[in-house]
C-alpha atoms as a PDB file:
ATOM      1  CA  MET A   1     -34.603 248.070 210.540  1.00  0.00           C
ATOM      2  CA  PRO A   2     -32.762 246.166 208.021  1.00  0.00           C
ATOM      3  CA  ASP A   3     -29.230 244.886 208.678  1.00  0.00           C
ATOM      4  CA  GLU A   4     -27.772 245.852 205.456  1.00  0.00           C
ATOM      5  CA  ARG A   5     -28.740 247.797 202.264  1.00  0.00           C
ATOM      6  CA  THR A   6     -27.030 246.818 198.994  1.00  0.00           C
ATOM      7  CA  VAL A   7     -25.641 249.381 196.310  1.00  0.00           C
ATOM      8  CA  GLY A   8     -28.823 248.621 194.300  1.00  0.00           C
ATOM      9  CA  GLY A   9     -30.972 249.540 197.203  1.00  0.00           C
ATOM     10  CA  TYR A  10     -32.098 246.127 198.240  1.00  0.00           C
ATOM     11  CA  ARG A  11     -32.536 245.334 201.994  1.00  0.00           C
ATOM     12  CA  ARG A  12     -30.708 242.224 203.446  1.00  0.00           C
ATOM     13  CA  TYR A  13     -31.973 240.772 206.717  1.00  0.00           C
ATOM     14  CA  ASP A  14     -30.097 238.432 209.098  1.00  0.00           C
ATOM     15  CA  LEU A  15     -32.501 235.354 209.366  1.00  0.00           C
ATOM     16  CA  ALA A  16     -30.583 233.893 212.387  1.00  0.00           C
ATOM     17  CA  ARG A  17     -31.528 237.104 214.183  1.00  0.00           C
ATOM     18  CA  ILE A  18     -35.142 237.298 212.934  1.00  0.00           C
ATOM     19  CA  ARG A  19     -35.965 233.566 213.037  1.00  0.00           C
ATOM     20  CA  PRO A  20     -33.257 231.772 214.891  1.00  0.00           C
ATOM     21  CA  GLU A  21     -35.474 228.562 215.250  1.00  0.00           C
ATOM     22  CA  ARG A  22     -35.312 228.137 211.487  1.00  0.00           C
ATOM     23  CA  VAL A  23     -31.718 228.828 211.132  1.00  0.00           C
ATOM     24  CA  HIS A  24     -30.002 227.242 214.147  1.00  0.00           C
ATOM     25  CA  ARG A  25     -30.926 223.695 214.942  1.00  0.00           C
ATOM     26  CA  HIS A  26     -30.162 222.352 218.236  1.00  0.00           C
ATOM     27  CA  ALA A  27     -28.108 219.143 217.790  1.00  0.00           C
ATOM     28  CA  ALA A  28     -29.765 217.596 220.806  1.00  0.00           C
ATOM     29  CA  SER A  29     -33.228 217.962 219.651  1.00  0.00           C
ATOM     30  CA  HIS A  30     -32.565 217.158 215.899  1.00  0.00           C
ATOM     31  CA  LYS A  31     -31.024 213.659 215.522  1.00  0.00           C
ATOM     32  CA  THR A  32     -29.675 211.785 212.656  1.00  0.00           C
ATOM     33  CA  ILE A  33     -31.533 208.720 211.702  1.00  0.00           C
ATOM     34  CA  ALA A  34     -29.874 205.835 209.802  1.00  0.00           C
ATOM     35  CA  TYR A  35     -32.658 203.734 208.108  1.00  0.00           C
ATOM     36  CA  ALA A  36     -32.155 200.240 206.876  1.00  0.00           C
ATOM     37  CA  ARG A  37     -34.680 197.620 205.440  1.00  0.00           C
ATOM     38  CA  VAL A  38     -35.006 194.408 204.016  1.00  0.00           C
ATOM     39  CA  SER A  39     -37.996 192.320 202.675  1.00  0.00           C
ATOM     40  CA  SER A  40     -37.759 188.910 204.314  1.00  0.00           C
ATOM     41  CA  HIS A  41     -35.966 186.872 206.944  1.00  0.00           C
ATOM     42  CA  ASP A  42     -33.775 185.266 204.232  1.00  0.00           C
ATOM     43  CA  GLN A  43     -32.083 188.741 203.899  1.00  0.00           C
ATOM     44  CA  LYS A  44     -31.048 189.267 207.599  1.00  0.00           C
ATOM     45  CA  ASP A  45     -27.347 189.243 206.532  1.00  0.00           C
ATOM     46  CA  ASP A  46     -27.967 192.204 204.038  1.00  0.00           C
ATOM     47  CA  LEU A  47     -29.720 194.049 206.797  1.00  0.00           C
ATOM     48  CA  GLU A  48     -26.813 193.677 208.995  1.00  0.00           C
ATOM     49  CA  ARG A  49     -24.526 194.907 206.134  1.00  0.00           C
ATOM     50  CA  GLN A  50     -26.763 197.937 205.615  1.00  0.00           C
ATOM     51  CA  LYS A  51     -26.540 198.762 209.176  1.00  0.00           C
ATOM     52  CA  GLN A  52     -22.610 198.329 209.145  1.00  0.00           C
ATOM     53  CA  VAL A  53     -22.425 200.668 206.084  1.00  0.00           C
ATOM     54  CA  LEU A  54     -24.755 203.089 207.691  1.00  0.00           C
ATOM     55  CA  GLU A  55     -22.942 203.214 211.123  1.00  0.00           C
ATOM     56  CA  LEU A  56     -19.365 203.621 209.405  1.00  0.00           C
ATOM     57  CA  TYR A  57     -20.804 206.453 207.262  1.00  0.00           C
ATOM     58  CA  CYS A  58     -22.252 208.329 209.877  1.00  0.00           C
ATOM     59  CA  ALA A  59     -19.394 207.816 212.294  1.00  0.00           C
ATOM     60  CA  ARG A  60     -16.861 208.976 209.569  1.00  0.00           C
ATOM     61  CA  GLN A  61     -19.012 212.207 209.331  1.00  0.00           C
ATOM     62  CA  GLY A  62     -18.786 212.690 212.936  1.00  0.00           C
ATOM     63  CA  TRP A  63     -22.527 212.645 213.448  1.00  0.00           C
ATOM     64  CA  THR A  64     -24.419 211.421 216.470  1.00  0.00           C
ATOM     65  CA  PHE A  65     -26.892 209.042 215.057  1.00  0.00           C
ATOM     66  CA  GLU A  66     -29.351 206.253 215.680  1.00  0.00           C
ATOM     67  CA  VAL A  67     -29.789 203.316 213.508  1.00  0.00           C
ATOM     68  CA  VAL A  68     -33.540 202.188 212.716  1.00  0.00           C
ATOM     69  CA  ALA A  69     -34.015 198.859 211.044  1.00  0.00           C
ATOM     70  CA  ASP A  70     -37.160 197.173 209.544  1.00  0.00           C
ATOM     71  CA  LEU A  71     -37.704 193.621 208.406  1.00  0.00           C
ATOM     72  CA  GLY A  72     -40.630 193.767 206.068  1.00  0.00           C
ATOM     73  CA  SER A  73     -41.918 194.628 202.571  1.00  0.00           C
ATOM     74  CA  GLY A  74     -41.112 197.859 201.040  1.00  0.00           C
ATOM     75  CA  MET A  75     -44.695 198.060 199.957  1.00  0.00           C
ATOM     76  CA  ASN A  76     -45.758 197.922 203.608  1.00  0.00           C
ATOM     77  CA  TYR A  77     -46.351 201.221 205.276  1.00  0.00           C
ATOM     78  CA  HIS A  78     -47.024 199.811 208.674  1.00  0.00           C
ATOM     79  CA  ASN A  79     -43.450 198.803 209.372  1.00  0.00           C
ATOM     80  CA  LYS A  80     -42.532 199.710 212.912  1.00  0.00           C
ATOM     81  CA  GLY A  81     -39.279 201.510 212.174  1.00  0.00           C
ATOM     82  CA  LEU A  82     -40.814 203.525 209.280  1.00  0.00           C
ATOM     83  CA  LYS A  83     -43.711 204.554 211.453  1.00  0.00           C
ATOM     84  CA  GLN A  84     -41.259 205.644 214.210  1.00  0.00           C
ATOM     85  CA  LEU A  85     -39.185 207.476 211.600  1.00  0.00           C
ATOM     86  CA  LEU A  86     -42.265 209.419 210.231  1.00  0.00           C
ATOM     87  CA  ASN A  87     -43.484 210.196 213.592  1.00  0.00           C
ATOM     88  CA  ASP A  88     -39.987 211.638 214.662  1.00  0.00           C
ATOM     89  CA  ILE A  89     -39.724 213.570 211.374  1.00  0.00           C
ATOM     90  CA  LEU A  90     -43.305 215.127 211.771  1.00  0.00           C
ATOM     91  CA  ALA A  91     -42.406 215.986 215.410  1.00  0.00           C
ATOM     92  CA  ASP A  92     -39.413 217.845 214.331  1.00  0.00           C
ATOM     93  CA  ARG A  93     -36.968 215.589 216.120  1.00  0.00           C
ATOM     94  CA  VAL A  94     -35.032 214.651 213.007  1.00  0.00           C
ATOM     95  CA  GLY A  95     -32.374 216.710 211.209  1.00  0.00           C
ATOM     96  CA  ARG A  96     -30.997 214.093 208.806  1.00  0.00           C
ATOM     97  CA  LEU A  97     -31.998 210.829 207.301  1.00  0.00           C
ATOM     98  CA  VAL A  98     -29.477 208.552 205.857  1.00  0.00           C
ATOM     99  CA  VAL A  99     -30.407 205.555 203.732  1.00  0.00           C
ATOM    100  CA  THR A 100     -28.032 203.254 201.571  1.00  0.00           C
ATOM    101  CA  HIS A 101     -30.408 203.164 198.597  1.00  0.00           C
ATOM    102  CA  LYS A 102     -33.765 205.017 197.895  1.00  0.00           C
ATOM    103  CA  ASP A 103     -35.862 201.799 197.579  1.00  0.00           C
ATOM    104  CA  ARG A 104     -34.621 200.826 201.247  1.00  0.00           C
ATOM    105  CA  LEU A 105     -37.047 203.436 202.611  1.00  0.00           C
ATOM    106  CA  LEU A 106     -40.130 202.319 200.502  1.00  0.00           C
ATOM    107  CA  ARG A 107     -40.658 200.788 197.137  1.00  0.00           C
ATOM    108  CA  PHE A 108     -43.317 203.220 196.192  1.00  0.00           C
ATOM    109  CA  GLY A 109     -43.821 206.479 198.213  1.00  0.00           C
ATOM    110  CA  ALA A 110     -40.310 207.348 198.935  1.00  0.00           C
ATOM    111  CA  GLU A 111     -40.705 210.582 197.013  1.00  0.00           C
ATOM    112  CA  LEU A 112     -43.547 211.456 199.411  1.00  0.00           C
ATOM    113  CA  VAL A 113     -41.369 210.842 202.531  1.00  0.00           C
ATOM    114  CA  PHE A 114     -38.641 212.812 200.882  1.00  0.00           C
ATOM    115  CA  ALA A 115     -41.159 215.769 200.194  1.00  0.00           C
ATOM    116  CA  ILE A 116     -42.012 215.691 203.998  1.00  0.00           C
ATOM    117  CA  CYS A 117     -38.351 215.733 204.831  1.00  0.00           C
ATOM    118  CA  GLU A 118     -37.900 218.764 202.624  1.00  0.00           C
ATOM    119  CA  ALA A 119     -40.896 220.505 204.338  1.00  0.00           C
ATOM    120  CA  LYS A 120     -39.597 219.652 207.663  1.00  0.00           C
ATOM    121  CA  HIS A 121     -36.017 220.742 206.825  1.00  0.00           C
ATOM    122  CA  VAL A 122     -34.603 217.402 207.032  1.00  0.00           C
ATOM    123  CA  GLU A 123     -31.445 216.709 205.161  1.00  0.00           C
ATOM    124  CA  VAL A 124     -31.622 213.443 203.127  1.00  0.00           C
ATOM    125  CA  VAL A 125     -28.489 211.544 202.354  1.00  0.00           C
ATOM    126  CA  ILE A 126     -28.679 208.519 199.917  1.00  0.00           C
ATOM    127  CA  LEU A 127     -25.397 206.617 199.925  1.00  0.00           C
ATOM    128  CA  ASN A 128     -25.822 204.834 196.783  1.00  0.00           C
ATOM    129  CA  GLN A 129     -27.672 206.769 194.295  1.00  0.00           C
ATOM    130  CA  GLY A 130     -27.174 204.041 191.613  1.00  0.00           C
ATOM    131  CA  GLU A 131     -26.943 204.381 187.888  1.00  0.00           C
ATOM    132  CA  ASP A 132     -29.297 206.598 186.113  1.00  0.00           C
ATOM    133  CA  THR A 133     -32.153 204.533 184.718  1.00  0.00           C
ATOM    134  CA  THR A 134     -34.445 205.477 181.979  1.00  0.00           C
ATOM    135  CA  PHE A 135     -38.165 205.926 182.662  1.00  0.00           C
ATOM    136  CA  GLU A 136     -38.889 202.449 181.018  1.00  0.00           C
ATOM    137  CA  GLU A 137     -36.403 200.781 183.040  1.00  0.00           C
ATOM    138  CA  GLU A 138     -37.873 202.327 186.423  1.00  0.00           C
ATOM    139  CA  LEU A 139     -41.399 201.419 185.034  1.00  0.00           C
ATOM    140  CA  ALA A 140     -40.471 197.980 184.290  1.00  0.00           C
ATOM    141  CA  GLN A 141     -38.687 197.571 187.652  1.00  0.00           C
ATOM    142  CA  ASP A 142     -41.882 198.962 189.520  1.00  0.00           C
ATOM    143  CA  VAL A 143     -44.171 196.607 187.377  1.00  0.00           C
ATOM    144  CA  LEU A 144     -41.873 193.644 188.355  1.00  0.00           C
ATOM    145  CA  GLU A 145     -41.954 194.490 192.061  1.00  0.00           C
ATOM    146  CA  ILE A 146     -45.780 194.906 191.959  1.00  0.00           C
ATOM    147  CA  ILE A 147     -46.191 191.232 190.379  1.00  0.00           C
ATOM    148  CA  THR A 148     -43.831 189.809 192.827  1.00  0.00           C
ATOM    149  CA  VAL A 149     -45.391 191.254 195.875  1.00  0.00           C
ATOM    150  CA  PHE A 150     -48.900 190.311 194.832  1.00  0.00           C
ATOM    151  CA  SER A 151     -48.003 186.849 193.687  1.00  0.00           C
ATOM    152  CA  ALA A 152     -46.303 186.268 196.959  1.00  0.00           C
ATOM    153  CA  ARG A 153     -49.506 187.219 198.691  1.00  0.00           C
ATOM    154  CA  LEU A 154     -51.435 185.015 196.358  1.00  0.00           C
ATOM    155  CA  TYR A 155     -49.356 182.018 196.742  1.00  0.00           C
ATOM    156  CA  GLY A 156     -49.242 182.648 200.554  1.00  0.00           C
ATOM    157  CA  ARG A 157     -53.050 182.060 200.675  1.00  0.00           C
ATOM    158  CA  ARG A 158     -54.315 178.597 200.865  1.00  0.00           C
ATOM    159  CA  SER A 159     -58.049 179.145 200.426  1.00  0.00           C
ATOM    160  CA  PRO A 160     -59.979 177.130 197.815  1.00  0.00           C
ATOM    161  CA  THR A 161     -60.852 180.428 196.050  1.00  0.00           C
ATOM    162  CA  THR A 162     -57.215 181.547 195.731  1.00  0.00           C
ATOM    163  CA  GLN A 163     -56.354 177.853 194.538  1.00  0.00           C
ATOM    164  CA  ARG A 164     -59.200 178.130 191.730  1.00  0.00           C
ATOM    165  CA  ILE A 165     -57.710 181.508 190.629  1.00  0.00           C
ATOM    166  CA  LEU A 166     -54.011 180.111 190.448  1.00  0.00           C
ATOM    167  CA  ASP A 167     -55.519 177.190 188.448  1.00  0.00           C
ATOM    168  CA  GLY A 168     -57.163 179.400 186.195  1.00  0.00           C
ATOM    169  CA  VAL A 169     -54.047 181.537 185.616  1.00  0.00           C
ATOM    170  CA  LYS A 170     -52.007 178.308 185.035  1.00  0.00           C
ATOM    171  CA  ARG A 171     -54.569 177.005 182.417  1.00  0.00           C
ATOM    172  CA  ALA A 172     -54.548 180.440 180.714  1.00  0.00           C
ATOM    173  CA  VAL A 173     -51.015 180.556 180.411  1.00  0.00           C
ATOM    174  CA  LYS A 174     -50.683 176.949 179.128  1.00  0.00           C
ATOM    175  CA  GLU A 175     -53.333 177.643 176.470  1.00  0.00           C
ATOM    176  CA  ALA A 176     -51.696 180.975 175.423  1.00  0.00           C
ATOM    177  CA  THR A 177     -48.208 179.222 174.974  1.00  0.00           C
ATOM    178  CA  PRO A 178     -47.610 177.359 171.542  1.00  0.00           C
END
């Protein structure tokens, strides 16, 4: 039996009565996670600043929260904190995710995580949305990030093969410049 009929004959149902598990989330079982990440040990101070900003924001909202922090590349999907976060979201233990910037979650793939959050009814709060950027600016930032990550990996390897590749790239750059 419908809870109410409108003047136009439409039926309205009380979802809280029909599906209480979808409407009423239990605070104890759905936590707020504040996630912070930096790419390298050199940025540990920035990691601490992110954590402080997240803690202050969540506390001001009156939320009970947990801070999860990672030290590793935003292109690495194997960061311990990120894996813990995703497991908790998939297990319906998270009600809210708070990050300082979208790229603190992941450089590429953040939209996928946000889609999972949406499917699992997890609210996502991004504190610093940043300026609106054009498609071209975002693309340039993405390409620069990819080049940075791969060149760091390449320079980090000391094998003779890698050294030959680097020497070849250097020669090609010298030949190409007037």
